[in-house]
Structure formats: structure tokens, C-alpha cells
Amino acid sequence: MMMKILVIGASGRVGTELVKQLLADDHQVIGTTRQKETLFNDANYSQLDLDITAEKDAIQDQMDKDIDAVYFVAGSGGKDVLEVDLHGAIKTIQATQDKGIKRYIMLSAAFSLDTSKWDSPGIANLKDYYICKHYADQWLVNNSSLDYTIVQPGALKERAGTGKIAIDESAGENSIEDVATTLAAVLTADNTIKQAFNMHNGDIDINEAIATV
């Protein structure tokens, strides 16, 4: 079934792959980016210059009422984590809920909600980013009524996807393509609603792995 989907952060590494996947699945996609050029030449794609550093009401005003799902895959790249990864994310959660949209899928990071794992070197070097992701995810879980899914990959790598992953409590590298495929797949996987899960490269077909969440 075709859905109308808002992808916040469509020009990012994961966002670009995610939009490709959603369009291939025959969904109607609205991608947000601050870039001027149109990212995709597809009849089912349109673009929105959405500034997530604006006030919540300004963000909400730009969102169509008939959107079926919102993806948040935007990121500051470490340049403005408070404004984008924390405050910006929470404002999109609030705007989505106030607009009457129920489905919200968040791209997060491995162990974002489990601070006991933050002493590993890979996370310790990204502490400010992790703090922002932690509290944005906490807001989504505890302060919203949205049908959320939080996908938590480890390190993102620009290599070909395998179509196979592992979902467990360990960390590992991820193909960006496989992360995008996983994000697209959870859209209609009702068992992932109100769930957060870690993922990394593995040997289980993505749809089979998601069914275990």
C-alpha cells in the first residue's frame, strides 16, 4: 500500500539511501533538505526546505496533515549537536504528534538508551552526540504518544549492503545501505512499534531479523 512519507534529512548518507528504498517500494516521499537542487527525479518525490532549528510551530506548519509516517534521519555531523540532534529532533517529535500523525521512526545510535555501555572508546569519543541522542530518544519514548520505532546502528560504513543484519545487544559496523533497508522495512512491521533495537552487520535476512524484535 502506498504511503505518504516525510523523510527529515533526505540529503544525508542514510537519508539518500532511505528515500531510494521508499521510492522503490512505490511510496510517495517528501524529502527535507536545505540544498537547492532536487535530490531525486521521480514522480513520487517532492522536496521541502525544512529548517529544524526553527520554532516548533514553524516546522509543524510545513508538514502536510495527510502524512502517514515521519522518518528522522537528520544529523549535525557533530557540528551543532544541541540544536539539531537534540532540540531539532524533539521539535519534530512534538510537531508530528501535534499534527495528528502517529508513526515516527528515529535513526539513532547503538546503545543510545543504555548509558552503561558508554565507556567504550567509540562512544566516549562521541559523548556530546550520545548525550543528545539519549535525551531525544528518551523524549520520544517517555513524552510522546507516537507509534515510534528507534533504530540504533553502530558505525556507518560506505560499502555495499548484504541484505543481512544482526539485532542484539552487541555493537558493530553497518553498511549504510543495510541501515536504510532496515529503516524502510520497519515502516510496516507493527511488532517494532514502541521498540528500540541495536543492529549491525550479520547473517540474518533483514525482514527475518526485524520479525524477532
C-alpha atoms as a PDB file:
ATOM      1  CA  MET A   1       0.000   0.000   0.000  1.00  0.00           C
ATOM      2  CA  MET A   2       1.361   3.392  -0.981  1.00  0.00           C
ATOM      3  CA  MET A   3       2.040   5.728   1.931  1.00  0.00           C
ATOM      4  CA  LYS A   4       2.879   9.416   2.086  1.00  0.00           C
ATOM      5  CA  ILE A   5       6.133   9.685   3.998  1.00  0.00           C
ATOM      6  CA  LEU A   6       8.154  12.629   5.269  1.00  0.00           C
ATOM      7  CA  VAL A   7      11.902  11.973   5.446  1.00  0.00           C
ATOM      8  CA  ILE A   8      13.646  14.602   7.570  1.00  0.00           C
ATOM      9  CA  GLY A   9      17.269  14.647   6.458  1.00  0.00           C
ATOM     10  CA  ALA A  10      16.859  13.273   2.934  1.00  0.00           C
ATOM     11  CA  SER A  11      20.221  14.562   1.702  1.00  0.00           C
ATOM     12  CA  GLY A  12      22.300  12.751   4.318  1.00  0.00           C
ATOM     13  CA  ARG A  13      24.105   9.469   3.733  1.00  0.00           C
ATOM     14  CA  VAL A  14      21.367   7.328   5.254  1.00  0.00           C
ATOM     15  CA  GLY A  15      18.574   9.652   4.127  1.00  0.00           C
ATOM     16  CA  THR A  16      19.575   9.383   0.476  1.00  0.00           C
ATOM     17  CA  GLU A  17      19.552   5.588   0.582  1.00  0.00           C
ATOM     18  CA  LEU A  18      16.308   5.532   2.549  1.00  0.00           C
ATOM     19  CA  VAL A  19      14.488   7.699   0.011  1.00  0.00           C
ATOM     20  CA  LYS A  20      15.716   5.397  -2.777  1.00  0.00           C
ATOM     21  CA  GLN A  21      14.300   2.399  -0.904  1.00  0.00           C
ATOM     22  CA  LEU A  22      10.948   4.055  -0.195  1.00  0.00           C
ATOM     23  CA  LEU A  23      10.539   5.180  -3.799  1.00  0.00           C
ATOM     24  CA  ALA A  24      11.409   1.673  -4.975  1.00  0.00           C
ATOM     25  CA  ASP A  25       8.594   0.455  -2.708  1.00  0.00           C
ATOM     26  CA  ASP A  26       6.206   2.840  -4.542  1.00  0.00           C
ATOM     27  CA  HIS A  27       5.683   5.237  -1.646  1.00  0.00           C
ATOM     28  CA  GLN A  28       5.145   8.963  -2.039  1.00  0.00           C
ATOM     29  CA  VAL A  29       8.116  10.684  -0.398  1.00  0.00           C
ATOM     30  CA  ILE A  30       8.634  14.249   0.770  1.00  0.00           C
ATOM     31  CA  GLY A  31      12.310  14.784   1.476  1.00  0.00           C
ATOM     32  CA  THR A  32      13.607  17.662   3.555  1.00  0.00           C
ATOM     33  CA  THR A  33      16.929  19.321   2.773  1.00  0.00           C
ATOM     34  CA  ARG A  34      18.483  22.772   2.848  1.00  0.00           C
ATOM     35  CA  GLN A  35      20.003  22.091  -0.574  1.00  0.00           C
ATOM     36  CA  LYS A  36      18.520  23.954  -3.544  1.00  0.00           C
ATOM     37  CA  GLU A  37      18.714  21.244  -6.192  1.00  0.00           C
ATOM     38  CA  THR A  38      16.098  18.495  -6.332  1.00  0.00           C
ATOM     39  CA  LEU A  39      17.632  15.310  -4.972  1.00  0.00           C
ATOM     40  CA  PHE A  40      15.550  12.740  -6.880  1.00  0.00           C
ATOM     41  CA  ASN A  41      13.943  12.783 -10.308  1.00  0.00           C
ATOM     42  CA  ASP A  42      10.862  10.714  -9.537  1.00  0.00           C
ATOM     43  CA  ALA A  43       7.156  11.478  -9.931  1.00  0.00           C
ATOM     44  CA  ASN A  44       6.548  10.264  -6.359  1.00  0.00           C
ATOM     45  CA  TYR A  45       9.189  12.567  -4.853  1.00  0.00           C
ATOM     46  CA  SER A  46       8.830  16.166  -3.701  1.00  0.00           C
ATOM     47  CA  GLN A  47      11.125  18.327  -1.619  1.00  0.00           C
ATOM     48  CA  LEU A  48      10.734  20.634   1.354  1.00  0.00           C
ATOM     49  CA  ASP A  49      13.177  23.234   2.696  1.00  0.00           C
ATOM     50  CA  LEU A  50      12.521  22.444   6.343  1.00  0.00           C
ATOM     51  CA  ASP A  51      14.650  24.164   8.975  1.00  0.00           C
ATOM     52  CA  ILE A  52      14.565  22.062  12.133  1.00  0.00           C
ATOM     53  CA  THR A  53      16.307  24.840  14.052  1.00  0.00           C
ATOM     54  CA  ALA A  54      13.137  26.953  13.597  1.00  0.00           C
ATOM     55  CA  GLU A  55      10.350  27.118  16.163  1.00  0.00           C
ATOM     56  CA  LYS A  56       8.200  24.023  16.571  1.00  0.00           C
ATOM     57  CA  ASP A  57       5.114  25.726  15.158  1.00  0.00           C
ATOM     58  CA  ALA A  58       7.012  26.772  12.021  1.00  0.00           C
ATOM     59  CA  ILE A  59       8.079  23.164  11.500  1.00  0.00           C
ATOM     60  CA  GLN A  60       4.539  21.918  12.090  1.00  0.00           C
ATOM     61  CA  ASP A  61       3.056  24.421   9.636  1.00  0.00           C
ATOM     62  CA  GLN A  62       5.148  22.927   6.817  1.00  0.00           C
ATOM     63  CA  MET A  63       4.007  19.373   7.476  1.00  0.00           C
ATOM     64  CA  ASP A  64       1.027  18.039   5.495  1.00  0.00           C
ATOM     65  CA  LYS A  65      -1.852  16.638   7.557  1.00  0.00           C
ATOM     66  CA  ASP A  66      -2.182  13.510   5.421  1.00  0.00           C
ATOM     67  CA  ILE A  67       1.352  12.220   6.052  1.00  0.00           C
ATOM     68  CA  ASP A  68       1.320   8.565   7.117  1.00  0.00           C
ATOM     69  CA  ALA A  69       4.795   8.385   8.656  1.00  0.00           C
ATOM     70  CA  VAL A  70       7.762  10.574   9.561  1.00  0.00           C
ATOM     71  CA  TYR A  71      11.401   9.479   9.499  1.00  0.00           C
ATOM     72  CA  PHE A  72      14.039  11.449  11.373  1.00  0.00           C
ATOM     73  CA  VAL A  73      17.410  10.654   9.800  1.00  0.00           C
ATOM     74  CA  ALA A  74      18.927  14.133  10.044  1.00  0.00           C
ATOM     75  CA  GLY A  75      22.172  14.796  11.855  1.00  0.00           C
ATOM     76  CA  SER A  76      24.535  17.639  12.591  1.00  0.00           C
ATOM     77  CA  GLY A  77      27.691  15.697  11.781  1.00  0.00           C
ATOM     78  CA  GLY A  78      28.962  16.804  15.179  1.00  0.00           C
ATOM     79  CA  LYS A  79      28.800  20.498  14.289  1.00  0.00           C
ATOM     80  CA  ASP A  80      25.672  21.534  16.205  1.00  0.00           C
ATOM     81  CA  VAL A  81      24.523  18.593  18.254  1.00  0.00           C
ATOM     82  CA  LEU A  82      22.386  20.536  20.705  1.00  0.00           C
ATOM     83  CA  GLU A  83      20.439  22.451  18.054  1.00  0.00           C
ATOM     84  CA  VAL A  84      19.985  19.573  15.588  1.00  0.00           C
ATOM     85  CA  ASP A  85      20.413  16.170  17.236  1.00  0.00           C
ATOM     86  CA  LEU A  86      18.643  17.125  20.468  1.00  0.00           C
ATOM     87  CA  HIS A  87      16.427  20.194  20.166  1.00  0.00           C
ATOM     88  CA  GLY A  88      15.686  19.788  16.466  1.00  0.00           C
ATOM     89  CA  ALA A  89      14.764  16.139  16.885  1.00  0.00           C
ATOM     90  CA  ILE A  90      12.443  16.833  19.812  1.00  0.00           C
ATOM     91  CA  LYS A  91      10.685  19.641  17.934  1.00  0.00           C
ATOM     92  CA  THR A  92       9.954  17.268  15.048  1.00  0.00           C
ATOM     93  CA  ILE A  93       8.544  14.745  17.527  1.00  0.00           C
ATOM     94  CA  GLN A  94       6.304  17.422  19.023  1.00  0.00           C
ATOM     95  CA  ALA A  95       5.256  18.710  15.592  1.00  0.00           C
ATOM     96  CA  THR A  96       4.448  15.190  14.379  1.00  0.00           C
ATOM     97  CA  GLN A  97       2.263  14.490  17.394  1.00  0.00           C
ATOM     98  CA  ASP A  98       0.523  17.865  17.299  1.00  0.00           C
ATOM     99  CA  LYS A  99      -0.197  17.366  13.593  1.00  0.00           C
ATOM    100  CA  GLY A 100      -2.039  14.139  14.379  1.00  0.00           C
ATOM    101  CA  ILE A 101       0.497  11.870  12.652  1.00  0.00           C
ATOM    102  CA  LYS A 102       1.088   8.627  14.568  1.00  0.00           C
ATOM    103  CA  ARG A 103       4.044   6.803  13.005  1.00  0.00           C
ATOM    104  CA  TYR A 104       7.547   8.131  13.726  1.00  0.00           C
ATOM    105  CA  ILE A 105      10.793   6.303  13.001  1.00  0.00           C
ATOM    106  CA  MET A 106      14.019   7.582  14.529  1.00  0.00           C
ATOM    107  CA  LEU A 107      17.529   6.812  13.323  1.00  0.00           C
ATOM    108  CA  SER A 108      19.631   6.797  16.472  1.00  0.00           C
ATOM    109  CA  ALA A 109      22.902   5.176  17.545  1.00  0.00           C
ATOM    110  CA  ALA A 110      23.906   1.911  19.204  1.00  0.00           C
ATOM    111  CA  PHE A 111      23.284   1.974  22.973  1.00  0.00           C
ATOM    112  CA  SER A 112      21.801   5.485  22.859  1.00  0.00           C
ATOM    113  CA  LEU A 113      19.445   4.488  25.670  1.00  0.00           C
ATOM    114  CA  ASP A 114      21.926   2.359  27.640  1.00  0.00           C
ATOM    115  CA  THR A 115      24.422   4.675  29.316  1.00  0.00           C
ATOM    116  CA  SER A 116      26.154   1.720  30.994  1.00  0.00           C
ATOM    117  CA  LYS A 117      27.775   0.951  27.615  1.00  0.00           C
ATOM    118  CA  TRP A 118      29.185   4.434  27.097  1.00  0.00           C
ATOM    119  CA  ASP A 119      32.676   3.684  28.429  1.00  0.00           C
ATOM    120  CA  SER A 120      33.738   2.040  25.155  1.00  0.00           C
ATOM    121  CA  PRO A 121      36.258   4.152  23.174  1.00  0.00           C
ATOM    122  CA  GLY A 122      33.997   4.513  20.141  1.00  0.00           C
ATOM    123  CA  ILE A 123      31.237   6.078  22.237  1.00  0.00           C
ATOM    124  CA  ALA A 124      33.489   8.014  24.633  1.00  0.00           C
ATOM    125  CA  ASN A 125      34.863   9.966  21.676  1.00  0.00           C
ATOM    126  CA  LEU A 126      31.301  10.982  20.710  1.00  0.00           C
ATOM    127  CA  LYS A 127      29.989  11.759  24.199  1.00  0.00           C
ATOM    128  CA  ASP A 128      28.256  15.058  23.372  1.00  0.00           C
ATOM    129  CA  TYR A 129      26.497  13.466  20.401  1.00  0.00           C
ATOM    130  CA  TYR A 130      25.451  10.470  22.509  1.00  0.00           C
ATOM    131  CA  ILE A 131      24.048  12.657  25.262  1.00  0.00           C
ATOM    132  CA  CYS A 132      21.901  14.470  22.699  1.00  0.00           C
ATOM    133  CA  LYS A 133      20.688  11.231  21.085  1.00  0.00           C
ATOM    134  CA  HIS A 134      19.965   9.769  24.521  1.00  0.00           C
ATOM    135  CA  TYR A 135      17.657  12.561  25.599  1.00  0.00           C
ATOM    136  CA  ALA A 136      15.974  12.907  22.208  1.00  0.00           C
ATOM    137  CA  ASP A 137      15.213   9.182  22.306  1.00  0.00           C
ATOM    138  CA  GLN A 138      14.071   9.441  25.925  1.00  0.00           C
ATOM    139  CA  TRP A 139      11.674  12.217  24.926  1.00  0.00           C
ATOM    140  CA  LEU A 140      10.258  10.101  22.137  1.00  0.00           C
ATOM    141  CA  VAL A 141       9.747   7.113  24.433  1.00  0.00           C
ATOM    142  CA  ASN A 142       8.523   8.868  27.569  1.00  0.00           C
ATOM    143  CA  ASN A 143       6.947  12.137  26.470  1.00  0.00           C
ATOM    144  CA  SER A 144       5.143  11.262  23.243  1.00  0.00           C
ATOM    145  CA  SER A 145       2.201   9.070  22.334  1.00  0.00           C
ATOM    146  CA  LEU A 146       3.629   8.313  18.884  1.00  0.00           C
ATOM    147  CA  ASP A 147       3.910   4.839  17.383  1.00  0.00           C
ATOM    148  CA  TYR A 148       7.682   5.086  17.346  1.00  0.00           C
ATOM    149  CA  THR A 149      10.491   2.783  16.334  1.00  0.00           C
ATOM    150  CA  ILE A 150      14.091   3.641  17.234  1.00  0.00           C
ATOM    151  CA  VAL A 151      16.749   2.003  15.060  1.00  0.00           C
ATOM    152  CA  GLN A 152      20.204   2.029  16.675  1.00  0.00           C
ATOM    153  CA  PRO A 153      23.069   1.091  14.334  1.00  0.00           C
ATOM    154  CA  GLY A 154      26.741   1.156  15.205  1.00  0.00           C
ATOM    155  CA  ALA A 155      29.395   2.737  12.991  1.00  0.00           C
ATOM    156  CA  LEU A 156      28.130   3.545   9.481  1.00  0.00           C
ATOM    157  CA  LYS A 157      30.284   2.397   6.567  1.00  0.00           C
ATOM    158  CA  GLU A 158      30.019   3.305   2.885  1.00  0.00           C
ATOM    159  CA  ARG A 159      30.069  -0.175   1.400  1.00  0.00           C
ATOM    160  CA  ALA A 160      27.636  -2.392  -0.435  1.00  0.00           C
ATOM    161  CA  GLY A 161      24.816  -3.820   1.598  1.00  0.00           C
ATOM    162  CA  THR A 162      24.363  -7.538   2.083  1.00  0.00           C
ATOM    163  CA  GLY A 163      20.658  -7.545   2.956  1.00  0.00           C
ATOM    164  CA  LYS A 164      21.583  -9.299   6.192  1.00  0.00           C
ATOM    165  CA  ILE A 165      21.956  -7.943   9.723  1.00  0.00           C
ATOM    166  CA  ALA A 166      22.000  -8.937  13.384  1.00  0.00           C
ATOM    167  CA  ILE A 167      19.735  -7.446  16.030  1.00  0.00           C
ATOM    168  CA  ASP A 168      21.160  -7.987  19.502  1.00  0.00           C
ATOM    169  CA  GLU A 169      22.848  -6.244  22.424  1.00  0.00           C
ATOM    170  CA  SER A 170      26.300  -6.082  20.839  1.00  0.00           C
ATOM    171  CA  ALA A 171      27.768  -3.291  18.714  1.00  0.00           C
ATOM    172  CA  GLY A 172      29.288  -3.494  15.264  1.00  0.00           C
ATOM    173  CA  GLU A 173      29.697  -1.840  11.911  1.00  0.00           C
ATOM    174  CA  ASN A 174      26.825  -1.301   9.488  1.00  0.00           C
ATOM    175  CA  SER A 175      26.541  -0.826   5.769  1.00  0.00           C
ATOM    176  CA  ILE A 176      24.624   2.412   5.164  1.00  0.00           C
ATOM    177  CA  GLU A 177      22.552   0.584   2.555  1.00  0.00           C
ATOM    178  CA  ASP A 178      21.555  -2.090   5.080  1.00  0.00           C
ATOM    179  CA  VAL A 179      20.598   0.555   7.640  1.00  0.00           C
ATOM    180  CA  ALA A 180      18.376   2.240   5.050  1.00  0.00           C
ATOM    181  CA  THR A 181      16.796  -1.091   4.105  1.00  0.00           C
ATOM    182  CA  THR A 182      16.113  -1.792   7.775  1.00  0.00           C
ATOM    183  CA  LEU A 183      14.541   1.630   8.261  1.00  0.00           C
ATOM    184  CA  ALA A 184      12.309   1.081   5.235  1.00  0.00           C
ATOM    185  CA  ALA A 185      11.338  -2.397   6.418  1.00  0.00           C
ATOM    186  CA  VAL A 186      10.213  -1.348   9.915  1.00  0.00           C
ATOM    187  CA  LEU A 187       7.659   1.032   8.378  1.00  0.00           C
ATOM    188  CA  THR A 188       5.045  -1.721   8.125  1.00  0.00           C
ATOM    189  CA  ALA A 189       6.410  -4.037  10.827  1.00  0.00           C
ATOM    190  CA  ASP A 190       3.902  -3.487  13.615  1.00  0.00           C
ATOM    191  CA  ASN A 191       5.970  -5.559  16.027  1.00  0.00           C
ATOM    192  CA  THR A 192       8.581  -2.769  16.028  1.00  0.00           C
ATOM    193  CA  ILE A 193       6.131  -0.138  17.289  1.00  0.00           C
ATOM    194  CA  LYS A 194       7.180   1.186  20.714  1.00  0.00           C
ATOM    195  CA  GLN A 195      10.505  -0.637  20.330  1.00  0.00           C
ATOM    196  CA  ALA A 196      14.174   0.345  20.127  1.00  0.00           C
ATOM    197  CA  PHE A 197      16.823  -2.071  18.852  1.00  0.00           C
ATOM    198  CA  ASN A 198      20.549  -2.247  18.137  1.00  0.00           C
ATOM    199  CA  MET A 199      21.649  -3.536  14.750  1.00  0.00           C
ATOM    200  CA  HIS A 200      24.904  -4.361  12.972  1.00  0.00           C
ATOM    201  CA  ASN A 201      26.243  -6.494  10.132  1.00  0.00           C
ATOM    202  CA  GLY A 202      25.093 -10.066  10.466  1.00  0.00           C
ATOM    203  CA  ASP A 203      23.902 -13.175   8.665  1.00  0.00           C
ATOM    204  CA  ILE A 204      20.112 -12.965   9.047  1.00  0.00           C
ATOM    205  CA  ASP A 205      17.874 -11.620   6.301  1.00  0.00           C
ATOM    206  CA  ILE A 206      16.713  -8.114   7.270  1.00  0.00           C
ATOM    207  CA  ASN A 207      12.988  -8.948   7.279  1.00  0.00           C
ATOM    208  CA  GLU A 208      13.608 -12.109   9.294  1.00  0.00           C
ATOM    209  CA  ALA A 209      15.706 -10.188  11.803  1.00  0.00           C
ATOM    210  CA  ILE A 210      13.075  -7.472  12.175  1.00  0.00           C
ATOM    211  CA  ALA A 211      10.428 -10.101  12.845  1.00  0.00           C
ATOM    212  CA  THR A 212      12.325 -11.024  16.040  1.00  0.00           C
ATOM    213  CA  VAL A 213      12.125  -7.540  17.573  1.00  0.00           C
END
